[in-house]
């Protein structure tokens, strides 16, 4: 094997060209193995990271739940106000909660793309 310091061998002779060829072949082999290991590590790292679609799906889920909850909450608040103003307890709350539920479902379906969004015609004035 070649001496990396470049000093003569124990017998006093310099390293031969066959030792250099052997070392060169080993270096090429090592380089190929390192390249393969780096590529494998890159594949494993990319497969372990979360896909960007997961974060957008989570955002979409929060948006859809907010659409529904806001409709029901708005209906409940309006129903409670109707009961307080007109003394029609509990009928105002019940009716407005049902209307809020329906509005929340409609908003949820519009946000999900199941139903076409509301259209406003500016031509009809």
PDB file of N, CA and C in Angstrom:
ATOM      1  N   UNK A   1       0.840  -1.162   0.000  1.00  0.00           N
ATOM      2  CA  UNK A   1       0.000   0.000   0.000  1.00  0.00           C
ATOM      3  C   UNK A   1       0.886   1.226   0.000  1.00  0.00           C
ATOM      4  N   UNK A   2       0.419   2.302  -0.608  1.00  0.00           N
ATOM      5  CA  UNK A   2       1.240   3.500  -0.745  1.00  0.00           C
ATOM      6  C   UNK A   2       1.287   4.264   0.564  1.00  0.00           C
ATOM      7  N   UNK A   3       2.397   4.854   0.834  1.00  0.00           N
ATOM      8  CA  UNK A   3       2.593   5.663   2.039  1.00  0.00           C
ATOM      9  C   UNK A   3       2.118   7.086   1.732  1.00  0.00           C
ATOM     10  N   UNK A   4       1.093   7.607   2.456  1.00  0.00           N
ATOM     11  CA  UNK A   4       0.557   8.929   2.134  1.00  0.00           C
ATOM     12  C   UNK A   4       1.549  10.054   2.395  1.00  0.00           C
ATOM     13  N   UNK A   5       2.572   9.819   3.172  1.00  0.00           N
ATOM     14  CA  UNK A   5       3.543  10.873   3.466  1.00  0.00           C
ATOM     15  C   UNK A   5       4.548  11.041   2.353  1.00  0.00           C
ATOM     16  N   UNK A   6       4.644  10.070   1.454  1.00  0.00           N
ATOM     17  CA  UNK A   6       5.581  10.143   0.350  1.00  0.00           C
ATOM     18  C   UNK A   6       6.992   9.736   0.738  1.00  0.00           C
ATOM     19  N   UNK A   7       7.140   9.181   1.919  1.00  0.00           N
ATOM     20  CA  UNK A   7       8.468   8.727   2.362  1.00  0.00           C
ATOM     21  C   UNK A   7       8.770   7.372   1.748  1.00  0.00           C
ATOM     22  N   UNK A   8       9.996   7.045   1.657  1.00  0.00           N
ATOM     23  CA  UNK A   8      10.350   5.735   1.093  1.00  0.00           C
ATOM     24  C   UNK A   8       9.848   4.604   1.990  1.00  0.00           C
ATOM     25  N   UNK A   9       9.630   3.448   1.364  1.00  0.00           N
ATOM     26  CA  UNK A   9       9.212   2.268   2.128  1.00  0.00           C
ATOM     27  C   UNK A   9      10.343   1.830   3.037  1.00  0.00           C
ATOM     28  N   UNK A  10      10.099   0.770   3.766  1.00  0.00           N
ATOM     29  CA  UNK A  10      11.094   0.287   4.708  1.00  0.00           C
ATOM     30  C   UNK A  10      12.350  -0.194   3.997  1.00  0.00           C
ATOM     31  N   UNK A  11      12.158  -0.652   2.746  1.00  0.00           N
ATOM     32  CA  UNK A  11      13.325  -1.094   2.009  1.00  0.00           C
ATOM     33  C   UNK A  11      14.063   0.085   1.389  1.00  0.00           C
ATOM     34  N   UNK A  12      13.454   1.275   1.386  1.00  0.00           N
ATOM     35  CA  UNK A  12      14.113   2.439   0.838  1.00  0.00           C
ATOM     36  C   UNK A  12      13.651   2.786  -0.560  1.00  0.00           C
ATOM     37  N   UNK A  13      12.682   2.060  -1.148  1.00  0.00           N
ATOM     38  CA  UNK A  13      12.203   2.333  -2.498  1.00  0.00           C
ATOM     39  C   UNK A  13      10.937   3.192  -2.445  1.00  0.00           C
ATOM     40  N   UNK A  14      10.695   3.964  -3.482  1.00  0.00           N
ATOM     41  CA  UNK A  14       9.470   4.769  -3.588  1.00  0.00           C
ATOM     42  C   UNK A  14       8.296   3.858  -3.929  1.00  0.00           C
ATOM     43  N   UNK A  15       7.029   4.349  -3.682  1.00  0.00           N
ATOM     44  CA  UNK A  15       5.849   3.544  -3.988  1.00  0.00           C
ATOM     45  C   UNK A  15       5.722   3.381  -5.493  1.00  0.00           C
ATOM     46  N   UNK A  16       5.212   2.263  -5.917  1.00  0.00           N
ATOM     47  CA  UNK A  16       5.130   1.944  -7.327  1.00  0.00           C
ATOM     48  C   UNK A  16       3.851   2.499  -7.924  1.00  0.00           C
ATOM     49  N   UNK A  17       3.798   2.455  -9.243  1.00  0.00           N
ATOM     50  CA  UNK A  17       2.619   2.966  -9.940  1.00  0.00           C
ATOM     51  C   UNK A  17       1.402   2.068  -9.723  1.00  0.00           C
ATOM     52  N   UNK A  18       1.623   0.779  -9.451  1.00  0.00           N
ATOM     53  CA  UNK A  18       0.491  -0.110  -9.193  1.00  0.00           C
ATOM     54  C   UNK A  18      -0.191   0.265  -7.878  1.00  0.00           C
ATOM     55  N   UNK A  19       0.584   0.729  -6.911  1.00  0.00           N
ATOM     56  CA  UNK A  19      -0.008   1.185  -5.654  1.00  0.00           C
ATOM     57  C   UNK A  19      -0.859   2.442  -5.890  1.00  0.00           C
ATOM     58  N   UNK A  20      -0.369   3.318  -6.736  1.00  0.00           N
ATOM     59  CA  UNK A  20      -1.119   4.538  -7.046  1.00  0.00           C
ATOM     60  C   UNK A  20      -2.395   4.211  -7.805  1.00  0.00           C
ATOM     61  N   UNK A  21      -2.328   3.262  -8.724  1.00  0.00           N
ATOM     62  CA  UNK A  21      -3.513   2.840  -9.475  1.00  0.00           C
ATOM     63  C   UNK A  21      -4.524   2.207  -8.538  1.00  0.00           C
ATOM     64  N   UNK A  22      -4.026   1.401  -7.595  1.00  0.00           N
ATOM     65  CA  UNK A  22      -4.908   0.774  -6.610  1.00  0.00           C
ATOM     66  C   UNK A  22      -5.585   1.835  -5.742  1.00  0.00           C
ATOM     67  N   UNK A  23      -4.799   2.806  -5.315  1.00  0.00           N
ATOM     68  CA  UNK A  23      -5.349   3.888  -4.500  1.00  0.00           C
ATOM     69  C   UNK A  23      -6.374   4.699  -5.288  1.00  0.00           C
ATOM     70  N   UNK A  24      -6.095   4.969  -6.544  1.00  0.00           N
ATOM     71  CA  UNK A  24      -7.023   5.712  -7.396  1.00  0.00           C
ATOM     72  C   UNK A  24      -8.332   4.946  -7.581  1.00  0.00           C
ATOM     73  N   UNK A  25      -8.233   3.636  -7.783  1.00  0.00           N
ATOM     74  CA  UNK A  25      -9.438   2.813  -7.933  1.00  0.00           C
ATOM     75  C   UNK A  25     -10.257   2.807  -6.642  1.00  0.00           C
ATOM     76  N   UNK A  26      -9.576   2.726  -5.514  1.00  0.00           N
ATOM     77  CA  UNK A  26     -10.288   2.745  -4.229  1.00  0.00           C
ATOM     78  C   UNK A  26     -10.971   4.087  -3.993  1.00  0.00           C
ATOM     79  N   UNK A  27     -10.303   5.181  -4.391  1.00  0.00           N
ATOM     80  CA  UNK A  27     -10.906   6.504  -4.250  1.00  0.00           C
ATOM     81  C   UNK A  27     -12.151   6.646  -5.125  1.00  0.00           C
ATOM     82  N   UNK A  28     -12.090   6.137  -6.344  1.00  0.00           N
ATOM     83  CA  UNK A  28     -13.262   6.182  -7.230  1.00  0.00           C
ATOM     84  C   UNK A  28     -14.409   5.363  -6.650  1.00  0.00           C
ATOM     85  N   UNK A  29     -14.074   4.189  -6.108  1.00  0.00           N
ATOM     86  CA  UNK A  29     -15.096   3.339  -5.493  1.00  0.00           C
ATOM     87  C   UNK A  29     -15.730   4.043  -4.292  1.00  0.00           C
ATOM     88  N   UNK A  30     -14.890   4.680  -3.478  1.00  0.00           N
ATOM     89  CA  UNK A  30     -15.395   5.403  -2.316  1.00  0.00           C
ATOM     90  C   UNK A  30     -16.283   6.558  -2.737  1.00  0.00           C
ATOM     91  N   UNK A  31     -15.878   7.264  -3.794  1.00  0.00           N
ATOM     92  CA  UNK A  31     -16.671   8.381  -4.293  1.00  0.00           C
ATOM     93  C   UNK A  31     -18.040   7.896  -4.785  1.00  0.00           C
ATOM     94  N   UNK A  32     -18.071   6.774  -5.473  1.00  0.00           N
ATOM     95  CA  UNK A  32     -19.341   6.221  -5.959  1.00  0.00           C
ATOM     96  C   UNK A  32     -20.248   5.826  -4.794  1.00  0.00           C
ATOM     97  N   UNK A  33     -19.656   5.190  -3.772  1.00  0.00           N
ATOM     98  CA  UNK A  33     -20.462   4.796  -2.616  1.00  0.00           C
ATOM     99  C   UNK A  33     -20.986   6.004  -1.858  1.00  0.00           C
ATOM    100  N   UNK A  34     -20.162   7.052  -1.728  1.00  0.00           N
ATOM    101  CA  UNK A  34     -20.623   8.278  -1.052  1.00  0.00           C
ATOM    102  C   UNK A  34     -21.752   8.950  -1.826  1.00  0.00           C
ATOM    103  N   UNK A  35     -21.625   8.965  -3.148  1.00  0.00           N
ATOM    104  CA  UNK A  35     -22.687   9.544  -3.979  1.00  0.00           C
ATOM    105  C   UNK A  35     -23.998   8.796  -3.815  1.00  0.00           C
ATOM    106  N   UNK A  36     -23.902   7.464  -3.777  1.00  0.00           N
ATOM    107  CA  UNK A  36     -25.117   6.658  -3.605  1.00  0.00           C
ATOM    108  C   UNK A  36     -25.719   6.870  -2.221  1.00  0.00           C
ATOM    109  N   UNK A  37     -24.870   6.924  -1.195  1.00  0.00           N
ATOM    110  CA  UNK A  37     -25.366   7.137   0.170  1.00  0.00           C
ATOM    111  C   UNK A  37     -26.010   8.511   0.310  1.00  0.00           C
ATOM    112  N   UNK A  38     -25.437   9.514  -0.332  1.00  0.00           N
ATOM    113  CA  UNK A  38     -26.012  10.862  -0.282  1.00  0.00           C
ATOM    114  C   UNK A  38     -27.373  10.885  -0.969  1.00  0.00           C
ATOM    115  N   UNK A  39     -27.477  10.221  -2.109  1.00  0.00           N
ATOM    116  CA  UNK A  39     -28.758  10.174  -2.822  1.00  0.00           C
ATOM    117  C   UNK A  39     -29.809   9.444  -1.994  1.00  0.00           C
ATOM    118  N   UNK A  40     -29.429   8.336  -1.361  1.00  0.00           N
ATOM    119  CA  UNK A  40     -30.371   7.595  -0.516  1.00  0.00           C
ATOM    120  C   UNK A  40     -30.828   8.443   0.663  1.00  0.00           C
ATOM    121  N   UNK A  41     -29.886   9.150   1.278  1.00  0.00           N
ATOM    122  CA  UNK A  41     -30.234  10.001   2.423  1.00  0.00           C
ATOM    123  C   UNK A  41     -31.174  11.125   1.980  1.00  0.00           C
ATOM    124  N   UNK A  42     -30.925  11.681   0.801  1.00  0.00           N
ATOM    125  CA  UNK A  42     -31.785  12.752   0.288  1.00  0.00           C
ATOM    126  C   UNK A  42     -33.206  12.227   0.060  1.00  0.00           C
ATOM    127  N   UNK A  43     -33.330  11.018  -0.500  1.00  0.00           N
ATOM    128  CA  UNK A  43     -34.646  10.409  -0.718  1.00  0.00           C
ATOM    129  C   UNK A  43     -35.373  10.176   0.606  1.00  0.00           C
ATOM    130  N   UNK A  44     -34.657   9.650   1.599  1.00  0.00           N
ATOM    131  CA  UNK A  44     -35.270   9.390   2.898  1.00  0.00           C
ATOM    132  C   UNK A  44     -35.704  10.677   3.573  1.00  0.00           C
ATOM    133  N   UNK A  45     -34.915  11.717   3.460  1.00  0.00           N
ATOM    134  CA  UNK A  45     -35.259  12.995   4.076  1.00  0.00           C
ATOM    135  C   UNK A  45     -36.485  13.592   3.404  1.00  0.00           C
ATOM    136  N   UNK A  46     -36.546  13.516   2.086  1.00  0.00           N
ATOM    137  CA  UNK A  46     -37.692  14.071   1.376  1.00  0.00           C
ATOM    138  C   UNK A  46     -38.957  13.281   1.659  1.00  0.00           C
ATOM    139  N   UNK A  47     -38.861  11.980   1.832  1.00  0.00           N
ATOM    140  CA  UNK A  47     -40.056  11.177   2.090  1.00  0.00           C
ATOM    141  C   UNK A  47     -40.566  11.392   3.517  1.00  0.00           C
ATOM    142  N   UNK A  48     -39.671  11.754   4.447  1.00  0.00           N
ATOM    143  CA  UNK A  48     -40.092  11.968   5.827  1.00  0.00           C
ATOM    144  C   UNK A  48     -40.701  13.343   6.053  1.00  0.00           C
ATOM    145  N   UNK A  49     -40.340  14.323   5.232  1.00  0.00           N
ATOM    146  CA  UNK A  49     -40.891  15.656   5.428  1.00  0.00           C
ATOM    147  C   UNK A  49     -42.354  15.664   5.023  1.00  0.00           C
ATOM    148  N   UNK A  50     -43.107  16.530   5.675  1.00  0.00           N
ATOM    149  CA  UNK A  50     -44.537  16.613   5.413  1.00  0.00           C
ATOM    150  C   UNK A  50     -44.775  17.283   4.065  1.00  0.00           C
ATOM    151  N   UNK A  51     -45.657  16.714   3.313  1.00  0.00           N
ATOM    152  CA  UNK A  51     -45.972  17.290   2.017  1.00  0.00           C
ATOM    153  C   UNK A  51     -46.687  18.615   2.208  1.00  0.00           C
ATOM    154  N   UNK A  52     -46.512  19.568   1.285  1.00  0.00           N
ATOM    155  CA  UNK A  52     -47.188  20.848   1.444  1.00  0.00           C
ATOM    156  C   UNK A  52     -48.702  20.735   1.381  1.00  0.00           C
ATOM    157  N   UNK A  53     -49.196  19.685   0.735  1.00  0.00           N
ATOM    158  CA  UNK A  53     -50.638  19.522   0.653  1.00  0.00           C
ATOM    159  C   UNK A  53     -51.258  19.234   2.018  1.00  0.00           C
ATOM    160  N   UNK A  54     -50.482  18.645   2.956  1.00  0.00           N
ATOM    161  CA  UNK A  54     -51.003  18.391   4.286  1.00  0.00           C
ATOM    162  C   UNK A  54     -51.324  19.688   5.009  1.00  0.00           C
ATOM    163  N   UNK A  55     -50.455  20.668   4.901  1.00  0.00           N
ATOM    164  CA  UNK A  55     -50.698  21.930   5.593  1.00  0.00           C
ATOM    165  C   UNK A  55     -51.852  22.675   4.946  1.00  0.00           C
ATOM    166  N   UNK A  56     -51.995  22.597   3.636  1.00  0.00           N
ATOM    167  CA  UNK A  56     -53.127  23.260   3.007  1.00  0.00           C
ATOM    168  C   UNK A  56     -54.426  22.536   3.335  1.00  0.00           C
ATOM    169  N   UNK A  57     -54.377  21.231   3.500  1.00  0.00           N
ATOM    170  CA  UNK A  57     -55.575  20.491   3.885  1.00  0.00           C
ATOM    171  C   UNK A  57     -56.000  20.861   5.300  1.00  0.00           C
ATOM    172  N   UNK A  58     -55.029  21.059   6.181  1.00  0.00           N
ATOM    173  CA  UNK A  58     -55.346  21.474   7.536  1.00  0.00           C
ATOM    174  C   UNK A  58     -55.956  22.869   7.539  1.00  0.00           C
ATOM    175  N   UNK A  59     -55.416  23.764   6.750  1.00  0.00           N
ATOM    176  CA  UNK A  59     -55.984  25.109   6.631  1.00  0.00           C
ATOM    177  C   UNK A  59     -57.397  25.073   6.077  1.00  0.00           C
ATOM    178  N   UNK A  60     -57.620  24.227   5.094  1.00  0.00           N
ATOM    179  CA  UNK A  60     -58.960  24.077   4.517  1.00  0.00           C
ATOM    180  C   UNK A  60     -59.932  23.537   5.559  1.00  0.00           C
ATOM    181  N   UNK A  61     -59.493  22.612   6.388  1.00  0.00           N
ATOM    182  CA  UNK A  61     -60.363  22.057   7.428  1.00  0.00           C
ATOM    183  C   UNK A  61     -60.740  23.125   8.446  1.00  0.00           C
ATOM    184  N   UNK A  62     -59.765  23.941   8.851  1.00  0.00           N
ATOM    185  CA  UNK A  62     -60.066  25.028   9.786  1.00  0.00           C
ATOM    186  C   UNK A  62     -61.021  26.036   9.162  1.00  0.00           C
ATOM    187  N   UNK A  63     -60.847  26.324   7.883  1.00  0.00           N
ATOM    188  CA  UNK A  63     -61.734  27.282   7.220  1.00  0.00           C
ATOM    189  C   UNK A  63     -63.162  26.747   7.160  1.00  0.00           C
ATOM    190  N   UNK A  64     -63.296  25.484   6.797  1.00  0.00           N
ATOM    191  CA  UNK A  64     -64.635  24.906   6.695  1.00  0.00           C
ATOM    192  C   UNK A  64     -65.321  24.832   8.055  1.00  0.00           C
ATOM    193  N   UNK A  65     -64.576  24.463   9.079  1.00  0.00           N
ATOM    194  CA  UNK A  65     -65.195  24.403  10.412  1.00  0.00           C
ATOM    195  C   UNK A  65     -65.560  25.796  10.895  1.00  0.00           C
ATOM    196  N   UNK A  66     -64.756  26.796  10.580  1.00  0.00           N
ATOM    197  CA  UNK A  66     -65.078  28.169  10.976  1.00  0.00           C
ATOM    198  C   UNK A  66     -66.329  28.669  10.254  1.00  0.00           C
ATOM    199  N   UNK A  67     -66.486  28.307   8.987  1.00  0.00           N
ATOM    200  CA  UNK A  67     -67.687  28.700   8.236  1.00  0.00           C
ATOM    201  C   UNK A  67     -68.950  28.154   8.910  1.00  0.00           C
ATOM    202  N   UNK A  68     -68.900  26.891   9.306  1.00  0.00           N
ATOM    203  CA  UNK A  68     -70.072  26.275   9.910  1.00  0.00           C
ATOM    204  C   UNK A  68     -70.352  26.831  11.311  1.00  0.00           C
ATOM    205  N   UNK A  69     -69.312  26.897  12.136  1.00  0.00           N
ATOM    206  CA  UNK A  69     -69.493  27.350  13.523  1.00  0.00           C
ATOM    207  C   UNK A  69     -69.952  28.801  13.562  1.00  0.00           C
ATOM    208  N   UNK A  70     -69.430  29.634  12.666  1.00  0.00           N
ATOM    209  CA  UNK A  70     -69.835  31.039  12.670  1.00  0.00           C
ATOM    210  C   UNK A  70     -71.305  31.196  12.303  1.00  0.00           C
ATOM    211  N   UNK A  71     -71.815  30.384  11.397  1.00  0.00           N
ATOM    212  CA  UNK A  71     -73.240  30.455  11.050  1.00  0.00           C
ATOM    213  C   UNK A  71     -74.131  30.068  12.214  1.00  0.00           C
ATOM    214  N   UNK A  72     -73.771  28.998  12.914  1.00  0.00           N
ATOM    215  CA  UNK A  72     -74.570  28.551  14.057  1.00  0.00           C
ATOM    216  C   UNK A  72     -74.474  29.562  15.204  1.00  0.00           C
ATOM    217  N   UNK A  73     -73.275  30.092  15.444  1.00  0.00           N
ATOM    218  CA  UNK A  73     -73.102  31.072  16.527  1.00  0.00           C
ATOM    219  C   UNK A  73     -73.869  32.351  16.226  1.00  0.00           C
ATOM    220  N   UNK A  74     -73.824  32.812  14.992  1.00  0.00           N
ATOM    221  CA  UNK A  74     -74.575  34.022  14.631  1.00  0.00           C
ATOM    222  C   UNK A  74     -76.070  33.789  14.791  1.00  0.00           C
ATOM    223  N   UNK A  75     -76.565  32.631  14.402  1.00  0.00           N
ATOM    224  CA  UNK A  75     -77.983  32.317  14.587  1.00  0.00           C
ATOM    225  C   UNK A  75     -78.364  32.281  16.054  1.00  0.00           C
ATOM    226  N   UNK A  76     -77.518  31.710  16.887  1.00  0.00           N
ATOM    227  CA  UNK A  76     -77.795  31.664  18.326  1.00  0.00           C
ATOM    228  C   UNK A  76     -77.825  33.045  18.948  1.00  0.00           C
ATOM    229  N   UNK A  77     -76.893  33.899  18.560  1.00  0.00           N
ATOM    230  CA  UNK A  77     -76.868  35.260  19.116  1.00  0.00           C
ATOM    231  C   UNK A  77     -78.084  36.052  18.679  1.00  0.00           C
ATOM    232  N   UNK A  78     -78.440  35.953  17.400  1.00  0.00           N
ATOM    233  CA  UNK A  78     -79.624  36.668  16.909  1.00  0.00           C
ATOM    234  C   UNK A  78     -80.883  36.133  17.590  1.00  0.00           C
ATOM    235  N   UNK A  79     -80.969  34.818  17.760  1.00  0.00           N
ATOM    236  CA  UNK A  79     -82.130  34.233  18.434  1.00  0.00           C
ATOM    237  C   UNK A  79     -82.232  34.683  19.882  1.00  0.00           C
ATOM    238  N   UNK A  80     -81.126  34.760  20.577  1.00  0.00           N
ATOM    239  CA  UNK A  80     -81.132  35.227  21.961  1.00  0.00           C
ATOM    240  C   UNK A  80     -81.570  36.687  22.035  1.00  0.00           C
ATOM    241  N   UNK A  81     -81.090  37.511  21.091  1.00  0.00           N
ATOM    242  CA  UNK A  81     -81.494  38.919  21.060  1.00  0.00           C
ATOM    243  C   UNK A  81     -82.985  39.058  20.762  1.00  0.00           C
ATOM    244  N   UNK A  82     -83.490  38.244  19.851  1.00  0.00           N
ATOM    245  CA  UNK A  82     -84.933  38.274  19.537  1.00  0.00           C
ATOM    246  C   UNK A  82     -85.734  37.896  20.771  1.00  0.00           C
ATOM    247  N   UNK A  83     -85.315  36.880  21.503  1.00  0.00           N
ATOM    248  CA  UNK A  83     -86.021  36.481  22.728  1.00  0.00           C
ATOM    249  C   UNK A  83     -85.999  37.589  23.770  1.00  0.00           C
ATOM    250  N   UNK A  84     -84.872  38.269  23.926  1.00  0.00           N
ATOM    251  CA  UNK A  84     -84.776  39.345  24.915  1.00  0.00           C
ATOM    252  C   UNK A  84     -85.628  40.544  24.528  1.00  0.00           C
ATOM    253  N   UNK A  85     -85.651  40.881  23.239  1.00  0.00           N
ATOM    254  CA  UNK A  85     -86.402  42.065  22.799  1.00  0.00           C
ATOM    255  C   UNK A  85     -87.907  41.829  22.797  1.00  0.00           C
ATOM    256  N   UNK A  86     -88.327  40.674  22.337  1.00  0.00           N
ATOM    257  CA  UNK A  86     -89.761  40.425  22.179  1.00  0.00           C
ATOM    258  C   UNK A  86     -90.339  39.503  23.237  1.00  0.00           C
ATOM    259  N   UNK A  87     -89.539  38.954  24.101  1.00  0.00           N
ATOM    260  CA  UNK A  87     -90.034  38.071  25.159  1.00  0.00           C
ATOM    261  C   UNK A  87     -90.632  36.788  24.633  1.00  0.00           C
ATOM    262  N   UNK A  88     -90.124  36.289  23.552  1.00  0.00           N
ATOM    263  CA  UNK A  88     -90.678  35.083  22.925  1.00  0.00           C
ATOM    264  C   UNK A  88     -89.854  33.847  23.267  1.00  0.00           C
ATOM    265  N   UNK A  89     -89.296  33.820  24.444  1.00  0.00           N
ATOM    266  CA  UNK A  89     -88.399  32.741  24.849  1.00  0.00           C
ATOM    267  C   UNK A  89     -89.108  31.403  24.791  1.00  0.00           C
ATOM    268  N   UNK A  90     -88.578  30.375  24.338  1.00  0.00           N
ATOM    269  CA  UNK A  90     -87.333  30.045  23.651  1.00  0.00           C
ATOM    270  C   UNK A  90     -87.483  29.976  22.149  1.00  0.00           C
ATOM    271  N   UNK A  91     -88.623  30.422  21.611  1.00  0.00           N
ATOM    272  CA  UNK A  91     -88.905  30.220  20.192  1.00  0.00           C
ATOM    273  C   UNK A  91     -87.980  31.007  19.275  1.00  0.00           C
ATOM    274  N   UNK A  92     -87.608  32.198  19.633  1.00  0.00           N
ATOM    275  CA  UNK A  92     -86.684  32.978  18.797  1.00  0.00           C
ATOM    276  C   UNK A  92     -85.327  32.290  18.694  1.00  0.00           C
ATOM    277  N   UNK A  93     -84.864  31.773  19.837  1.00  0.00           N
ATOM    278  CA  UNK A  93     -83.574  31.081  19.846  1.00  0.00           C
ATOM    279  C   UNK A  93     -83.634  29.799  19.014  1.00  0.00           C
ATOM    280  N   UNK A  94     -84.697  29.052  19.153  1.00  0.00           N
ATOM    281  CA  UNK A  94     -84.828  27.793  18.407  1.00  0.00           C
ATOM    282  C   UNK A  94     -84.877  28.047  16.909  1.00  0.00           C
ATOM    283  N   UNK A  95     -85.716  28.994  16.485  1.00  0.00           N
ATOM    284  CA  UNK A  95     -85.866  29.285  15.056  1.00  0.00           C
ATOM    285  C   UNK A  95     -84.556  29.831  14.478  1.00  0.00           C
ATOM    286  N   UNK A  96     -83.940  30.755  15.189  1.00  0.00           N
ATOM    287  CA  UNK A  96     -82.697  31.350  14.664  1.00  0.00           C
ATOM    288  C   UNK A  96     -81.537  30.365  14.697  1.00  0.00           C
ATOM    289  N   UNK A  97     -81.501  29.443  15.659  1.00  0.00           N
ATOM    290  CA  UNK A  97     -80.464  28.409  15.645  1.00  0.00           C
ATOM    291  C   UNK A  97     -80.621  27.496  14.434  1.00  0.00           C
ATOM    292  N   UNK A  98     -81.863  27.153  14.110  1.00  0.00           N
ATOM    293  CA  UNK A  98     -82.103  26.320  12.927  1.00  0.00           C
ATOM    294  C   UNK A  98     -81.698  27.074  11.661  1.00  0.00           C
ATOM    295  N   UNK A  99     -82.059  28.375  11.595  1.00  0.00           N
ATOM    296  CA  UNK A  99     -81.660  29.175  10.435  1.00  0.00           C
ATOM    297  C   UNK A  99     -80.129  29.328  10.375  1.00  0.00           C
ATOM    298  N   UNK A 100     -79.500  29.486  11.534  1.00  0.00           N
ATOM    299  CA  UNK A 100     -78.039  29.576  11.581  1.00  0.00           C
ATOM    300  C   UNK A 100     -77.382  28.288  11.142  1.00  0.00           C
ATOM    301  N   UNK A 101     -77.966  27.158  11.537  1.00  0.00           N
ATOM    302  CA  UNK A 101     -77.453  25.865  11.096  1.00  0.00           C
ATOM    303  C   UNK A 101     -77.540  25.746   9.576  1.00  0.00           C
ATOM    304  N   UNK A 102     -78.678  26.141   9.018  1.00  0.00           N
ATOM    305  CA  UNK A 102     -78.845  26.088   7.561  1.00  0.00           C
ATOM    306  C   UNK A 102     -77.863  27.030   6.861  1.00  0.00           C
ATOM    307  N   UNK A 103     -77.690  28.236   7.404  1.00  0.00           N
ATOM    308  CA  UNK A 103     -76.750  29.186   6.805  1.00  0.00           C
ATOM    309  C   UNK A 103     -75.320  28.658   6.907  1.00  0.00           C
ATOM    310  N   UNK A 104     -74.979  28.031   8.030  1.00  0.00           N
ATOM    311  CA  UNK A 104     -73.642  27.456   8.196  1.00  0.00           C
ATOM    312  C   UNK A 104     -73.395  26.331   7.209  1.00  0.00           C
ATOM    313  N   UNK A 105     -74.385  25.495   6.998  1.00  0.00           N
ATOM    314  CA  UNK A 105     -74.239  24.410   6.024  1.00  0.00           C
ATOM    315  C   UNK A 105     -74.092  24.954   4.603  1.00  0.00           C
ATOM    316  N   UNK A 106     -74.869  25.989   4.276  1.00  0.00           N
ATOM    317  CA  UNK A 106     -74.766  26.592   2.949  1.00  0.00           C
ATOM    318  C   UNK A 106     -73.390  27.220   2.748  1.00  0.00           C
ATOM    319  N   UNK A 107     -72.891  27.949   3.751  1.00  0.00           N
ATOM    320  CA  UNK A 107     -71.549  28.531   3.656  1.00  0.00           C
ATOM    321  C   UNK A 107     -70.482  27.448   3.546  1.00  0.00           C
ATOM    322  N   UNK A 108     -70.663  26.363   4.273  1.00  0.00           N
ATOM    323  CA  UNK A 108     -69.718  25.253   4.226  1.00  0.00           C
ATOM    324  C   UNK A 108     -69.675  24.636   2.838  1.00  0.00           C
ATOM    325  N   UNK A 109     -70.834  24.429   2.239  1.00  0.00           N
ATOM    326  CA  UNK A 109     -70.883  23.843   0.897  1.00  0.00           C
ATOM    327  C   UNK A 109     -70.325  24.807  -0.149  1.00  0.00           C
ATOM    328  N   UNK A 110     -70.571  26.110   0.017  1.00  0.00           N
ATOM    329  CA  UNK A 110     -70.001  27.085  -0.912  1.00  0.00           C
ATOM    330  C   UNK A 110     -68.484  27.115  -0.801  1.00  0.00           C
ATOM    331  N   UNK A 111     -67.957  27.083   0.423  1.00  0.00           N
ATOM    332  CA  UNK A 111     -66.509  27.118   0.620  1.00  0.00           C
ATOM    333  C   UNK A 111     -65.847  25.842   0.092  1.00  0.00           C
ATOM    334  N   UNK A 112     -66.536  24.716   0.177  1.00  0.00           N
ATOM    335  CA  UNK A 112     -65.992  23.447  -0.307  1.00  0.00           C
ATOM    336  C   UNK A 112     -66.123  23.311  -1.816  1.00  0.00           C
ATOM    337  N   UNK A 113     -66.917  24.171  -2.436  1.00  0.00           N
ATOM    338  CA  UNK A 113     -67.088  24.124  -3.876  1.00  0.00           C
ATOM    339  C   UNK A 113     -68.178  23.186  -4.334  1.00  0.00           C
ATOM    340  N   UNK A 114     -69.001  22.711  -3.416  1.00  0.00           N
ATOM    341  CA  UNK A 114     -70.088  21.805  -3.785  1.00  0.00           C
ATOM    342  C   UNK A 114     -71.221  22.589  -4.440  1.00  0.00           C
ATOM    343  N   UNK A 115     -71.477  23.787  -3.927  1.00  0.00           N
ATOM    344  CA  UNK A 115     -72.531  24.655  -4.444  1.00  0.00           C
ATOM    345  C   UNK A 115     -71.863  25.882  -5.043  1.00  0.00           C
ATOM    346  N   UNK A 116     -72.443  26.409  -6.121  1.00  0.00           N
ATOM    347  CA  UNK A 116     -71.884  27.615  -6.724  1.00  0.00           C
ATOM    348  C   UNK A 116     -71.982  28.776  -5.739  1.00  0.00           C
ATOM    349  N   UNK A 117     -70.986  29.677  -5.749  1.00  0.00           N
ATOM    350  CA  UNK A 117     -71.057  30.835  -4.862  1.00  0.00           C
ATOM    351  C   UNK A 117     -72.196  31.764  -5.249  1.00  0.00           C
ATOM    352  N   UNK A 118     -72.601  32.596  -4.301  1.00  0.00           N
ATOM    353  CA  UNK A 118     -73.688  33.534  -4.554  1.00  0.00           C
ATOM    354  C   UNK A 118     -73.285  34.492  -5.662  1.00  0.00           C
ATOM    355  N   UNK A 119     -74.250  34.793  -6.542  1.00  0.00           N
ATOM    356  CA  UNK A 119     -73.997  35.700  -7.660  1.00  0.00           C
ATOM    357  C   UNK A 119     -74.705  37.007  -7.419  1.00  0.00           C
ATOM    358  N   UNK A 120     -74.040  38.059  -7.701  1.00  0.00           N
ATOM    359  CA  UNK A 120     -74.653  39.379  -7.605  1.00  0.00           C
ATOM    360  C   UNK A 120     -74.688  39.977  -9.001  1.00  0.00           C
ATOM    361  N   UNK A 121     -75.904  40.259  -9.468  1.00  0.00           N
ATOM    362  CA  UNK A 121     -76.056  40.851 -10.788  1.00  0.00           C
ATOM    363  C   UNK A 121     -76.104  42.362 -10.647  1.00  0.00           C
ATOM    364  N   UNK A 122     -75.069  43.026 -11.144  1.00  0.00           N
ATOM    365  CA  UNK A 122     -75.030  44.487 -11.113  1.00  0.00           C
ATOM    366  C   UNK A 122     -75.845  45.093 -12.253  1.00  0.00           C
ATOM    367  N   UNK A 123     -76.202  44.295 -13.256  1.00  0.00           N
ATOM    368  CA  UNK A 123     -76.958  44.806 -14.416  1.00  0.00           C
ATOM    369  C   UNK A 123     -78.406  45.106 -14.051  1.00  0.00           C
ATOM    370  N   UNK A 124     -78.968  44.397 -13.097  1.00  0.00           N
ATOM    371  CA  UNK A 124     -80.382  44.553 -12.729  1.00  0.00           C
ATOM    372  C   UNK A 124     -80.498  45.579 -11.606  1.00  0.00           C
ATOM    373  N   UNK A 125     -80.573  46.840 -11.967  1.00  0.00           N
ATOM    374  CA  UNK A 125     -80.729  47.884 -10.948  1.00  0.00           C
ATOM    375  C   UNK A 125     -81.892  48.763 -11.266  1.00  0.00           C
TER     376      UNK A 125
END
